C-alpha atoms as a PDB file:
ATOM      1  CA  MET A   1       0.108   0.201   0.060  1.00  0.00           C
ATOM      2  CA  ILE A   2       1.576   3.372  -0.847  1.00  0.00           C
ATOM      3  CA  GLU A   3       1.215   5.927   2.064  1.00  0.00           C
ATOM      4  CA  MET A   4       0.407   9.343   2.069  1.00  0.00           C
ATOM      5  CA  PRO A   5       3.487  11.716   2.183  1.00  0.00           C
ATOM      6  CA  ARG A   6       4.850  13.032   5.313  1.00  0.00           C
ATOM      7  CA  LEU A   7       6.512  16.809   5.143  1.00  0.00           C
ATOM      8  CA  ILE A   8       9.213  18.080   7.644  1.00  0.00           C
ATOM      9  CA  SER A   9      10.270  21.868   7.085  1.00  0.00           C
ATOM     10  CA  LEU A  10      13.395  22.764   9.763  1.00  0.00           C
ATOM     11  CA  SER A  11      16.224  25.357   9.851  1.00  0.00           C
ATOM     12  CA  PHE A  12      19.282  24.860  11.940  1.00  0.00           C
ATOM     13  CA  ASP A  13      22.150  27.021  13.764  1.00  0.00           C
ATOM     14  CA  ASP A  14      24.266  23.908  14.565  1.00  0.00           C
ATOM     15  CA  ALA A  15      25.625  21.307  12.352  1.00  0.00           C
ATOM     16  CA  GLY A  16      25.331  18.267  14.855  1.00  0.00           C
ATOM     17  CA  THR A  17      21.449  18.756  15.604  1.00  0.00           C
ATOM     18  CA  PHE A  18      20.889  18.962  11.694  1.00  0.00           C
ATOM     19  CA  ALA A  19      22.758  15.882  11.192  1.00  0.00           C
ATOM     20  CA  SER A  20      20.434  14.546  13.896  1.00  0.00           C
ATOM     21  CA  ALA A  21      17.582  15.563  12.096  1.00  0.00           C
ATOM     22  CA  LEU A  22      18.291  13.533   8.790  1.00  0.00           C
ATOM     23  CA  THR A  23      15.762  10.563   8.273  1.00  0.00           C
ATOM     24  CA  GLN A  24      19.498   8.151   7.320  1.00  0.00           C
ATOM     25  CA  ALA A  25      20.740   6.696  10.620  1.00  0.00           C
ATOM     26  CA  ASP A  26      24.293   7.217  10.674  1.00  0.00           C
ATOM     27  CA  VAL A  27      25.163  10.839   9.544  1.00  0.00           C
ATOM     28  CA  SER A  28      27.534  12.924  10.982  1.00  0.00           C
ATOM     29  CA  CYS A  29      28.201  16.693  10.068  1.00  0.00           C
ATOM     30  CA  THR A  30      30.958  19.275  11.127  1.00  0.00           C
ATOM     31  CA  GLN A  31      31.506  22.810  10.847  1.00  0.00           C
ATOM     32  CA  THR A  32      34.327  23.767   8.668  1.00  0.00           C
ATOM     33  CA  ALA A  33      34.769  27.475   9.026  1.00  0.00           C
ATOM     34  CA  ALA A  34      34.600  29.821  11.484  1.00  0.00           C
ATOM     35  CA  GLY A  35      31.522  31.949  11.747  1.00  0.00           C
ATOM     36  CA  PRO A  36      27.848  31.540  11.760  1.00  0.00           C
ATOM     37  CA  ILE A  37      26.082  28.479   9.943  1.00  0.00           C
ATOM     38  CA  GLN A  38      22.379  27.821   9.145  1.00  0.00           C
ATOM     39  CA  PHE A  39      20.888  24.924   7.264  1.00  0.00           C
ATOM     40  CA  ASP A  40      17.467  24.753   5.776  1.00  0.00           C
ATOM     41  CA  LEU A  41      15.951  21.318   5.325  1.00  0.00           C
ATOM     42  CA  ALA A  42      12.818  20.001   3.683  1.00  0.00           C
ATOM     43  CA  ILE A  43      11.808  16.586   3.554  1.00  0.00           C
ATOM     44  CA  CYS A  44       9.043  15.014   1.865  1.00  0.00           C
ATOM     45  CA  ALA A  45       8.317  10.844   2.281  1.00  0.00           C
ATOM     46  CA  ASN A  46       6.562   8.290   2.168  1.00  0.00           C
ATOM     47  CA  ASN A  47       7.597   4.350   2.055  1.00  0.00           C
ATOM     48  CA  ARG A  48       8.323   4.191  -1.691  1.00  0.00           C
ATOM     49  CA  LEU A  49      10.481   7.437  -1.787  1.00  0.00           C
ATOM     50  CA  GLN A  50      12.112   9.904   0.265  1.00  0.00           C
ATOM     51  CA  LEU A  51      12.681  13.735  -0.863  1.00  0.00           C
ATOM     52  CA  HIS A  52      15.354  15.830   1.146  1.00  0.00           C
ATOM     53  CA  PHE A  53      16.312  19.564  -0.036  1.00  0.00           C
ATOM     54  CA  THR A  54      19.083  20.706   1.888  1.00  0.00           C
ATOM     55  CA  SER A  55      20.476  24.534   1.279  1.00  0.00           C
ATOM     56  CA  MET A  56      22.974  26.296   3.348  1.00  0.00           C
ATOM     57  CA  PRO A  57      23.228  29.914   2.893  1.00  0.00           C
ATOM     58  CA  VAL A  58      25.788  30.552   5.510  1.00  0.00           C
ATOM     59  CA  GLY A  59      28.645  28.677   6.160  1.00  0.00           C
ATOM     60  CA  SER A  60      30.606  25.450   4.998  1.00  0.00           C
ATOM     61  CA  CYS A  61      30.708  22.156   6.446  1.00  0.00           C
ATOM     62  CA  VAL A  62      31.608  18.386   5.953  1.00  0.00           C
ATOM     63  CA  ALA A  63      28.844  15.309   6.283  1.00  0.00           C
ATOM     64  CA  VAL A  64      29.746  11.708   5.817  1.00  0.00           C
ATOM     65  CA  GLY A  65      27.644   8.638   6.809  1.00  0.00           C
ATOM     66  CA  LYS A  66      25.474   5.844   5.072  1.00  0.00           C
ATOM     67  CA  THR A  67      22.621   5.941   2.735  1.00  0.00           C
ATOM     68  CA  ALA A  68      19.188   4.471   3.290  1.00  0.00           C
ATOM     69  CA  ASP A  69      19.285   0.464   3.459  1.00  0.00           C
ATOM     70  CA  ASN A  70      16.983  -1.265   0.976  1.00  0.00           C
ATOM     71  CA  ALA A  71      16.951   1.761  -1.229  1.00  0.00           C
ATOM     72  CA  LYS A  72      18.906   3.014  -4.293  1.00  0.00           C
ATOM     73  CA  CYS A  73      19.976   6.600  -2.892  1.00  0.00           C
ATOM     74  CA  PHE A  74      21.345   9.413  -5.391  1.00  0.00           C
ATOM     75  CA  HIS A  75      22.656  12.936  -4.763  1.00  0.00           C
ATOM     76  CA  ILE A  76      22.098  15.969  -6.924  1.00  0.00           C
ATOM     77  CA  PRO A  77      24.186  19.117  -6.550  1.00  0.00           C
ATOM     78  CA  LEU A  78      21.291  22.549  -7.672  1.00  0.00           C
ATOM     79  CA  GLY A  79      22.010  25.726  -8.208  1.00  0.00           C
ATOM     80  CA  ASN A  80      25.485  26.372  -8.166  1.00  0.00           C
ATOM     81  CA  THR A  81      27.232  23.054  -8.155  1.00  0.00           C
ATOM     82  CA  SER A  82      30.722  23.933  -7.886  1.00  0.00           C
ATOM     83  CA  LEU A  83      29.837  24.556  -4.539  1.00  0.00           C
ATOM     84  CA  VAL A  84      29.634  21.011  -3.729  1.00  0.00           C
ATOM     85  CA  SER A  85      31.995  18.121  -3.862  1.00  0.00           C
ATOM     86  CA  MET A  86      30.911  14.511  -3.352  1.00  0.00           C
ATOM     87  CA  LEU A  87      33.475  11.494  -2.551  1.00  0.00           C
ATOM     88  CA  GLY A  88      36.116  13.941  -2.879  1.00  0.00           C
ATOM     89  CA  ARG A  89      35.186  14.700  -6.325  1.00  0.00           C
ATOM     90  CA  LYS A  90      34.122  18.489  -6.817  1.00  0.00           C
ATOM     91  CA  MET A  91      30.524  18.283  -8.619  1.00  0.00           C
ATOM     92  CA  ASP A  92      30.000  19.922 -11.989  1.00  0.00           C
ATOM     93  CA  ALA A  93      26.278  20.944 -13.881  1.00  0.00           C
ATOM     94  CA  ALA A  94      26.879  16.611 -15.305  1.00  0.00           C
ATOM     95  CA  SER A  95      27.193  14.814 -12.242  1.00  0.00           C
ATOM     96  CA  LEU A  96      25.494  13.025  -9.783  1.00  0.00           C
ATOM     97  CA  ALA A  97      26.251  10.737  -7.145  1.00  0.00           C
ATOM     98  CA  VAL A  98      25.152   7.026  -7.025  1.00  0.00           C
ATOM     99  CA  TYR A  99      24.831   4.994  -3.898  1.00  0.00           C
ATOM    100  CA  GLU A 100      24.260   1.057  -3.626  1.00  0.00           C
ATOM    101  CA  ASP A 101      22.148  -0.099  -0.665  1.00  0.00           C
ATOM    102  CA  GLY A 102      23.541   1.677   2.335  1.00  0.00           C
ATOM    103  CA  GLY A 103      26.120   3.201   0.665  1.00  0.00           C
ATOM    104  CA  GLU A 104      29.243   5.605   2.489  1.00  0.00           C
ATOM    105  CA  HIS A 105      28.625   9.235   1.400  1.00  0.00           C
ATOM    106  CA  ALA A 106      30.658  12.249   2.074  1.00  0.00           C
ATOM    107  CA  VAL A 107      29.718  15.833   1.147  1.00  0.00           C
ATOM    108  CA  ARG A 108      31.716  18.965   1.349  1.00  0.00           C
ATOM    109  CA  ALA A 109      29.480  22.196   0.735  1.00  0.00           C
ATOM    110  CA  ALA A 110      30.436  25.450   0.809  1.00  0.00           C
ATOM    111  CA  ASP A 111      28.324  28.785   1.637  1.00  0.00           C
ATOM    112  CA  GLY A 112      25.523  28.972  -0.715  1.00  0.00           C
ATOM    113  CA  ALA A 113      25.265  25.095  -1.390  1.00  0.00           C
ATOM    114  CA  SER A 114      22.252  23.494  -2.071  1.00  0.00           C
ATOM    115  CA  LEU A 115      21.516  19.687  -2.636  1.00  0.00           C
ATOM    116  CA  ALA A 116      18.803  17.268  -3.138  1.00  0.00           C
ATOM    117  CA  TYR A 117      18.720  13.406  -1.993  1.00  0.00           C
ATOM    118  CA  ILE A 118      16.894  10.930  -3.207  1.00  0.00           C
ATOM    119  CA  ALA A 119      16.214   7.534  -1.428  1.00  0.00           C
ATOM    120  CA  ALA A 120      13.535   5.020  -3.956  1.00  0.00           C
ATOM    121  CA  SER A 121      12.462   1.737  -2.236  1.00  0.00           C
ATOM    122  CA  LYS A 122      13.640  -1.333  -3.806  1.00  0.00           C
ATOM    123  CA  GLU A 123       9.582  -1.891  -4.967  1.00  0.00           C
ATOM    124  CA  LEU A 124       9.504   1.524  -6.632  1.00  0.00           C
ATOM    125  CA  VAL A 125      13.061   0.695  -8.160  1.00  0.00           C
ATOM    126  CA  HIS A 126      11.790  -2.286  -9.593  1.00  0.00           C
ATOM    127  CA  GLN A 127       8.771  -0.681 -10.801  1.00  0.00           C
ATOM    128  CA  VAL A 128      10.703   1.457 -12.908  1.00  0.00           C
ATOM    129  CA  CYS A 129      12.917  -1.035 -14.338  1.00  0.00           C
ATOM    130  CA  GLU A 130       9.789  -3.102 -15.411  1.00  0.00           C
ATOM    131  CA  MET A 131       8.393  -0.206 -16.987  1.00  0.00           C
ATOM    132  CA  SER A 132      11.432   0.456 -18.597  1.00  0.00           C
ATOM    133  CA  GLY A 133      11.693  -2.983 -20.160  1.00  0.00           C
ATOM    134  CA  GLY A 134      13.155  -5.159 -17.493  1.00  0.00           C
ATOM    135  CA  MET A 135      16.303  -3.419 -17.158  1.00  0.00           C
ATOM    136  CA  ASP A 136      18.018  -4.196 -13.681  1.00  0.00           C
ATOM    137  CA  PHE A 137      18.715  -0.517 -12.066  1.00  0.00           C
ATOM    138  CA  ALA A 138      20.668  -2.082  -9.264  1.00  0.00           C
ATOM    139  CA  ALA A 139      22.817  -4.323 -11.360  1.00  0.00           C
ATOM    140  CA  ALA A 140      23.707  -1.726 -13.590  1.00  0.00           C
ATOM    141  CA  MET A 141      25.145   0.679 -11.210  1.00  0.00           C
ATOM    142  CA  PRO A 142      25.959  -1.544  -8.515  1.00  0.00           C
ATOM    143  CA  ALA A 143      28.806   0.576  -6.753  1.00  0.00           C
ATOM    144  CA  THR A 144      28.900   3.899  -4.876  1.00  0.00           C
ATOM    145  CA  HIS A 145      30.530   6.485  -7.789  1.00  0.00           C
ATOM    146  CA  ILE A 146      30.062   9.846  -9.156  1.00  0.00           C
ATOM    147  CA  LEU A 147      28.079   9.551 -13.036  1.00  0.00           C
ATOM    148  CA  SER A 148      28.544  11.769 -15.490  1.00  0.00           C
ATOM    149  CA  SER A 149      25.815  12.145 -17.123  1.00  0.00           C
ATOM    150  CA  ASP A 150      24.208  13.788 -20.404  1.00  0.00           C
ATOM    151  CA  PRO A 151      24.494  17.649 -19.724  1.00  0.00           C
ATOM    152  CA  GLU A 152      20.576  18.134 -21.016  1.00  0.00           C
ATOM    153  CA  LYS A 153      19.435  15.209 -19.188  1.00  0.00           C
ATOM    154  CA  MET A 154      20.871  16.701 -15.835  1.00  0.00           C
ATOM    155  CA  VAL A 155      19.533  20.567 -16.810  1.00  0.00           C
ATOM    156  CA  GLN A 156      15.700  18.753 -17.138  1.00  0.00           C
ATOM    157  CA  LEU A 157      16.401  16.591 -13.888  1.00  0.00           C
ATOM    158  CA  ARG A 158      17.795  19.618 -11.456  1.00  0.00           C
ATOM    159  CA  TYR A 159      15.310  21.585 -13.160  1.00  0.00           C
ATOM    160  CA  PHE A 160      12.449  19.711 -12.040  1.00  0.00           C
ATOM    161  CA  LEU A 161      13.961  19.320  -8.504  1.00  0.00           C
ATOM    162  CA  GLU A 162      14.362  22.735  -8.127  1.00  0.00           C
ATOM    163  CA  GLU A 163      10.431  23.408  -9.262  1.00  0.00           C
ATOM    164  CA  ILE A 164       9.595  20.629  -6.124  1.00  0.00           C
ATOM    165  CA  SER A 165      11.891  22.650  -3.818  1.00  0.00           C
ATOM    166  CA  LYS A 166       9.962  25.828  -4.512  1.00  0.00           C
ATOM    167  CA  LEU A 167       6.622  23.911  -4.432  1.00  0.00           C
ATOM    168  CA  PHE A 168       7.521  22.510  -1.125  1.00  0.00           C
ATOM    169  CA  SER A 169       8.835  26.245   0.197  1.00  0.00           C
ATOM    170  CA  LEU A 170       5.391  28.015  -1.737  1.00  0.00           C
ATOM    171  CA  THR A 171       2.706  25.688  -1.501  1.00  0.00           C
ATOM    172  CA  PRO A 172       3.470  22.969   1.131  1.00  0.00           C
ATOM    173  CA  ILE A 173      -0.317  21.759   0.718  1.00  0.00           C
ATOM    174  CA  ALA A 174       0.371  20.872  -2.722  1.00  0.00           C
ATOM    175  CA  ILE A 175       3.466  18.214  -2.633  1.00  0.00           C
ATOM    176  CA  ALA A 176       1.252  16.625   0.609  1.00  0.00           C
ATOM    177  CA  ASN A 177      -1.666  15.886  -1.929  1.00  0.00           C
ATOM    178  CA  PHE A 178      -1.200  11.790  -2.624  1.00  0.00           C
ATOM    179  CA  ALA A 179      -1.758  12.629  -6.577  1.00  0.00           C
ATOM    180  CA  VAL A 180       0.450  14.981  -6.454  1.00  0.00           C
ATOM    181  CA  PHE A 181       3.490  13.425  -4.722  1.00  0.00           C
ATOM    182  CA  ARG A 182       2.646  10.068  -7.266  1.00  0.00           C
ATOM    183  CA  ASN A 183       3.073  12.546 -10.306  1.00  0.00           C
ATOM    184  CA  ILE A 184       6.098  13.734  -9.043  1.00  0.00           C
ATOM    185  CA  GLU A 185       7.374  10.257  -8.010  1.00  0.00           C
ATOM    186  CA  GLN A 186       6.648   9.144 -11.496  1.00  0.00           C
ATOM    187  CA  THR A 187       8.073  11.895 -13.103  1.00  0.00           C
ATOM    188  CA  LEU A 188      10.996  12.096 -10.872  1.00  0.00           C
ATOM    189  CA  MET A 189      11.842   8.312 -11.284  1.00  0.00           C
ATOM    190  CA  THR A 190      11.863   8.634 -15.188  1.00  0.00           C
ATOM    191  CA  LEU A 191      14.017  11.605 -15.087  1.00  0.00           C
ATOM    192  CA  LEU A 192      16.552   9.729 -12.900  1.00  0.00           C
ATOM    193  CA  LEU A 193      16.259   6.831 -15.138  1.00  0.00           C
ATOM    194  CA  SER A 194      17.595   8.663 -18.105  1.00  0.00           C
ATOM    195  CA  ALA A 195      20.005  10.890 -16.221  1.00  0.00           C
ATOM    196  CA  SER A 196      21.619   7.651 -15.116  1.00  0.00           C
ATOM    197  CA  GLY A 197      21.815   6.267 -18.614  1.00  0.00           C
ATOM    198  CA  CYS A 198      19.576   3.343 -18.058  1.00  0.00           C
ATOM    199  CA  ASP A 199      16.471   4.219 -20.253  1.00  0.00           C
ATOM    200  CA  GLU A 200      17.586   2.532 -23.093  1.00  0.00           C
ATOM    201  CA  GLU A 201      16.120  -0.846 -23.924  1.00  0.00           C
ATOM    202  CA  ARG A 202      18.394  -3.780 -24.003  1.00  0.00           C
ATOM    203  CA  ASN A 203      16.445  -5.783 -26.798  1.00  0.00           C
ATOM    204  CA  SER A 204      16.191  -5.347 -30.576  1.00  0.00           C
ATOM    205  CA  SER A 205      13.187  -5.736 -32.155  1.00  0.00           C
ATOM    206  CA  ALA A 206      13.994  -8.823 -33.591  1.00  0.00           C
ATOM    207  CA  GLY A 207      14.476 -10.294 -29.867  1.00  0.00           C
ATOM    208  CA  ARG A 208      10.839  -9.009 -28.327  1.00  0.00           C
ATOM    209  CA  THR A 209       8.627 -11.403 -27.463  1.00  0.00           C
ATOM    210  CA  PRO A 210       5.090 -10.886 -29.435  1.00  0.00           C
ATOM    211  CA  VAL A 211       2.586  -9.361 -27.720  1.00  0.00           C
ATOM    212  CA  SER A 212      -1.035  -9.231 -28.478  1.00  0.00           C
ATOM    213  CA  ARG A 213      -1.912  -5.775 -28.595  1.00  0.00           C
ATOM    214  CA  GLY A 214      -5.972  -6.389 -28.384  1.00  0.00           C
ATOM    215  CA  ARG A 215      -5.546  -7.898 -24.594  1.00  0.00           C
ATOM    216  CA  ILE A 216      -3.258  -5.548 -23.492  1.00  0.00           C
ATOM    217  CA  LEU A 217      -5.963  -2.705 -24.829  1.00  0.00           C
ATOM    218  CA  ARG A 218      -8.814  -4.269 -23.251  1.00  0.00           C
ATOM    219  CA  LYS A 219      -6.658  -4.278 -20.024  1.00  0.00           C
ATOM    220  CA  ILE A 220      -6.035  -1.078 -20.213  1.00  0.00           C
ATOM    221  CA  GLU A 221      -9.912  -0.235 -20.847  1.00  0.00           C
ATOM    222  CA  GLU A 222     -10.505  -2.182 -17.761  1.00  0.00           C
ATOM    223  CA  LEU A 223      -7.941  -0.321 -15.609  1.00  0.00           C
ATOM    224  CA  LEU A 224      -9.631   3.158 -16.798  1.00  0.00           C
ATOM    225  CA  ARG A 225     -13.409   1.782 -15.972  1.00  0.00           C
ATOM    226  CA  GLU A 226     -12.381   0.461 -12.739  1.00  0.00           C
ATOM    227  CA  ARG A 227     -10.555   3.441 -11.758  1.00  0.00           C
ATOM    228  CA  ALA A 228     -12.574   6.216 -13.586  1.00  0.00           C
ATOM    229  CA  GLY A 229     -12.392   8.773 -11.000  1.00  0.00           C
ATOM    230  CA  GLU A 230      -8.717   8.973 -10.348  1.00  0.00           C
ATOM    231  CA  PRO A 231      -5.292  10.189 -12.226  1.00  0.00           C
ATOM    232  CA  LEU A 232      -3.376   7.004 -13.504  1.00  0.00           C
ATOM    233  CA  TYR A 233       0.095   7.063 -14.448  1.00  0.00           C
ATOM    234  CA  VAL A 234       2.222   5.154 -17.301  1.00  0.00           C
ATOM    235  CA  THR A 235       3.361   2.577 -14.503  1.00  0.00           C
ATOM    236  CA  ASP A 236      -0.257   1.818 -13.611  1.00  0.00           C
ATOM    237  CA  LEU A 237      -0.954   0.800 -17.232  1.00  0.00           C
ATOM    238  CA  CYS A 238       2.670  -1.079 -17.366  1.00  0.00           C
ATOM    239  CA  ALA A 239       1.496  -2.827 -14.039  1.00  0.00           C
ATOM    240  CA  ALA A 240      -1.853  -3.434 -15.381  1.00  0.00           C
ATOM    241  CA  THR A 241      -0.856  -5.158 -18.785  1.00  0.00           C
ATOM    242  CA  GLY A 242       2.538  -6.347 -17.844  1.00  0.00           C
ATOM    243  CA  VAL A 243       4.449  -5.064 -20.456  1.00  0.00           C
ATOM    244  CA  SER A 244       7.160  -2.380 -20.679  1.00  0.00           C
ATOM    245  CA  GLN A 245       7.194   1.209 -21.350  1.00  0.00           C
ATOM    246  CA  PRO A 246       8.431   1.079 -24.740  1.00  0.00           C
ATOM    247  CA  THR A 247       5.952  -1.482 -25.817  1.00  0.00           C
ATOM    248  CA  LEU A 248       3.135   0.391 -24.650  1.00  0.00           C
ATOM    249  CA  TYR A 249       4.496   3.595 -26.199  1.00  0.00           C
ATOM    250  CA  ARG A 250       4.757   1.783 -29.490  1.00  0.00           C
ATOM    251  CA  ILE A 251       1.008   0.396 -29.126  1.00  0.00           C
ATOM    252  CA  PHE A 252      -0.241   3.754 -28.257  1.00  0.00           C
ATOM    253  CA  SER A 253       1.664   5.185 -31.425  1.00  0.00           C
ATOM    254  CA  ASP A 254       0.103   2.811 -33.489  1.00  0.00           C
ATOM    255  CA  VAL A 255      -3.406   2.874 -31.764  1.00  0.00           C
ATOM    256  CA  LEU A 256      -3.872   6.420 -30.918  1.00  0.00           C
ATOM    257  CA  ASP A 257      -1.216   8.345 -32.796  1.00  0.00           C
ATOM    258  CA  MET A 258       0.186   9.903 -29.153  1.00  0.00           C
ATOM    259  CA  ASN A 259       2.175   8.469 -26.346  1.00  0.00           C
ATOM    260  CA  PRO A 260       0.720   6.859 -23.221  1.00  0.00           C
ATOM    261  CA  LYS A 261       1.716  10.075 -20.975  1.00  0.00           C
ATOM    262  CA  ARG A 262      -0.288  12.520 -23.356  1.00  0.00           C
ATOM    263  CA  TYR A 263      -3.042  10.397 -23.215  1.00  0.00           C
ATOM    264  CA  LEU A 264      -3.119   9.968 -19.606  1.00  0.00           C
ATOM    265  CA  GLN A 265      -2.721  14.114 -19.101  1.00  0.00           C
ATOM    266  CA  LEU A 266      -5.554  14.550 -21.209  1.00  0.00           C
ATOM    267  CA  ARG A 267      -7.437  11.996 -19.296  1.00  0.00           C
ATOM    268  CA  ARG A 268      -6.482  13.852 -16.082  1.00  0.00           C
ATOM    269  CA  LEU A 269      -7.666  17.175 -17.635  1.00  0.00           C
ATOM    270  CA  HIS A 270     -11.184  15.683 -18.534  1.00  0.00           C
ATOM    271  CA  LEU A 271     -11.361  14.590 -14.949  1.00  0.00           C
ATOM    272  CA  VAL A 272     -10.885  17.927 -13.668  1.00  0.00           C
ATOM    273  CA  ARG A 273     -13.553  19.348 -16.051  1.00  0.00           C
ATOM    274  CA  GLU A 274     -15.910  16.663 -14.499  1.00  0.00           C
ATOM    275  CA  LYS A 275     -15.180  17.538 -11.108  1.00  0.00           C
ATOM    276  CA  LEU A 276     -15.649  21.185 -11.614  1.00  0.00           C
ATOM    277  CA  LEU A 277     -18.716  20.528 -13.735  1.00  0.00           C
ATOM    278  CA  HIS A 278     -20.066  18.036 -11.182  1.00  0.00           C
ATOM    279  CA  ASP A 279     -18.474  17.976  -7.639  1.00  0.00           C
ATOM    280  CA  PRO A 280     -21.423  19.663  -5.283  1.00  0.00           C
ATOM    281  CA  ASN A 281     -18.720  20.994  -2.504  1.00  0.00           C
ATOM    282  CA  PRO A 282     -19.579  24.571  -2.435  1.00  0.00           C
ATOM    283  CA  ALA A 283     -15.938  24.816  -0.687  1.00  0.00           C
ATOM    284  CA  ARG A 284     -14.131  23.072  -3.717  1.00  0.00           C
ATOM    285  CA  THR A 285     -11.379  25.537  -5.323  1.00  0.00           C
ATOM    286  CA  VAL A 286      -9.679  24.982  -8.803  1.00  0.00           C
ATOM    287  CA  SER A 287      -6.722  24.101  -6.990  1.00  0.00           C
ATOM    288  CA  SER A 288      -7.424  21.666  -4.740  1.00  0.00           C
ATOM    289  CA  VAL A 289      -9.545  19.873  -8.045  1.00  0.00           C
ATOM    290  CA  ALA A 290      -6.279  20.343  -9.998  1.00  0.00           C
ATOM    291  CA  TYR A 291      -3.924  18.921  -7.271  1.00  0.00           C
ATOM    292  CA  ASP A 292      -6.309  15.957  -6.883  1.00  0.00           C
ATOM    293  CA  CYS A 293      -5.884  15.016 -10.567  1.00  0.00           C
ATOM    294  CA  GLY A 294      -2.296  15.068  -9.693  1.00  0.00           C
ATOM    295  CA  PHE A 295      -1.387  18.621 -11.537  1.00  0.00           C
ATOM    296  CA  TRP A 296       1.038  20.901  -9.201  1.00  0.00           C
ATOM    297  CA  GLN A 297       2.298  23.559 -11.905  1.00  0.00           C
ATOM    298  CA  LEU A 298      -0.849  25.437 -11.659  1.00  0.00           C
ATOM    299  CA  GLY A 299       0.244  27.908 -14.753  1.00  0.00           C
ATOM    300  CA  ARG A 300       0.825  25.432 -17.196  1.00  0.00           C
ATOM    301  CA  PHE A 301      -2.279  23.962 -16.019  1.00  0.00           C
ATOM    302  CA  GLY A 302      -4.509  26.714 -16.444  1.00  0.00           C
ATOM    303  CA  ARG A 303      -3.145  27.261 -19.979  1.00  0.00           C
ATOM    304  CA  ASP A 304      -3.506  23.310 -20.617  1.00  0.00           C
ATOM    305  CA  TYR A 305      -6.711  23.619 -19.491  1.00  0.00           C
ATOM    306  CA  ARG A 306      -8.220  26.475 -21.177  1.00  0.00           C
ATOM    307  CA  ALA A 307      -6.150  25.386 -24.648  1.00  0.00           C
ATOM    308  CA  HIS A 308      -8.300  22.466 -24.718  1.00  0.00           C
ATOM    309  CA  PHE A 309     -11.608  23.414 -23.192  1.00  0.00           C
ATOM    310  CA  GLY A 310     -11.538  26.828 -24.981  1.00  0.00           C
ATOM    311  CA  GLU A 311     -12.293  28.461 -21.329  1.00  0.00           C
ATOM    312  CA  THR A 312     -10.661  28.811 -17.817  1.00  0.00           C
ATOM    313  CA  PRO A 313     -10.994  26.511 -15.074  1.00  0.00           C
ATOM    314  CA  SER A 314     -12.422  28.826 -13.121  1.00  0.00           C
ATOM    315  CA  HIS A 315     -15.116  29.970 -15.689  1.00  0.00           C
ATOM    316  CA  THR A 316     -16.133  26.360 -15.924  1.00  0.00           C
ATOM    317  CA  LEU A 317     -16.486  26.316 -11.981  1.00  0.00           C
ATOM    318  CA  ARG A 318     -18.405  29.669 -12.366  1.00  0.00           C
ATOM    319  CA  ARG A 319     -20.672  28.228 -14.735  1.00  0.00           C
ATOM    320  CA  ALA A 320     -21.596  25.011 -12.686  1.00  0.00           C
ATOM    321  CA  ARG A 321     -22.320  26.977  -9.588  1.00  0.00           C
ATOM    322  CA  THR A 322     -24.737  29.256 -11.786  1.00  0.00           C
ATOM    323  CA  PHE A 323     -26.321  26.436 -13.308  1.00  0.00           C
ATOM    324  CA  ASN A 324     -26.474  24.620  -9.841  1.00  0.00           C
ATOM    325  CA  ILE A 325     -28.015  27.518  -7.919  1.00  0.00           C
ATOM    326  CA  GLY A 326     -30.867  28.040 -10.868  1.00  0.00           C
ATOM    327  CA  ARG A 327     -31.464  24.420 -10.802  1.00  0.00           C
ATOM    328  CA  GLU A 328     -32.171  24.327  -6.844  1.00  0.00           C
ATOM    329  CA  THR A 329     -34.394  27.506  -7.147  1.00  0.00           C
ATOM    330  CA  ALA A 330     -36.204  26.105  -9.623  1.00  0.00           C
ATOM    331  CA  ALA A 331     -36.760  22.754  -7.586  1.00  0.00           C
ATOM    332  CA  SER A 332     -37.767  24.878  -4.926  1.00  0.00           C
ATOM    333  CA  LEU A 333     -40.254  26.495  -6.545  1.00  0.00           C
ATOM    334  CA  LYS A 334     -41.576  23.524  -8.131  1.00  0.00           C
ATOM    335  CA  SER A 335     -41.356  21.973  -4.331  1.00  0.00           C
ATOM    336  CA  GLN A 336     -43.659  25.371  -3.190  1.00  0.00           C
ATOM    337  CA  GLY A 337     -46.205  24.825  -6.041  1.00  0.00           C
ATOM    338  CA  ARG A 338     -45.244  28.274  -8.032  1.00  0.00           C
ATOM    339  CA  PHE A 339     -44.649  26.802 -11.156  1.00  0.00           C
END
């Protein structure tokens, strides 16, 4: 069962107190320069994924310890990457640290540094690997090391993490929403897989096992019907059909001329519209409905909604409320025998 995400946001002016607040078991942190020091820590975690965002506006430090057990873990520098060294190596725009299960880490950070730590459970890693064609993520990267990735892929990954960090500080209610956190989880793991160089199919088309397109489409239809009122993601379709993401992409491209991610995004837009038009709760807001359907970048959501439906989501909600008020008034008058 996937748990609801838990949020923690704290500030520290002492290295030892900061280290004790981290969710990893064995971490020590030492201040390396005289003067004040400040750590800002934000954690969002459930039983599948831990996200830690650490920034140090003032001071410098060294932190050593062990990453989470039974998880695949990553450190990714944000902002000015040259302010961070990991495992004795200065980081650059294409660098990320990958750790084996419970691997040792060593981080040196200078004034102004910021860093993301990600711990993905073995269950989540396995699900992502199955979705990506059965590739063994852990076997592909068994040892703790610094990886030099494709710079463009790292730009996408860092931008996404920085957007999540902003969301955490500005709108924590959004990131605590179950549907939003699931969306973040799916997107983040896909970006990590790509940045780590593990998103290529291992088998050529000649070696692929034939799949029944009709059977897969029937299973997708059954899943969409069973979970009609909730947002779904590509991993859900892969799990329901038992096929990899590349296979799913080929089928969607052949049958619908679009990829499954785009199809599910459109489905979530329609789900928002359905809720705005028919949810009787007068306290519902556009943002709360968007969060419940997995949208967290509200500006982009609003643009996509308007482009697709020809009106803003707030206009849809106003129309629905006007209609409901009129309907309720007519029903009241009718019950009074006034027409």
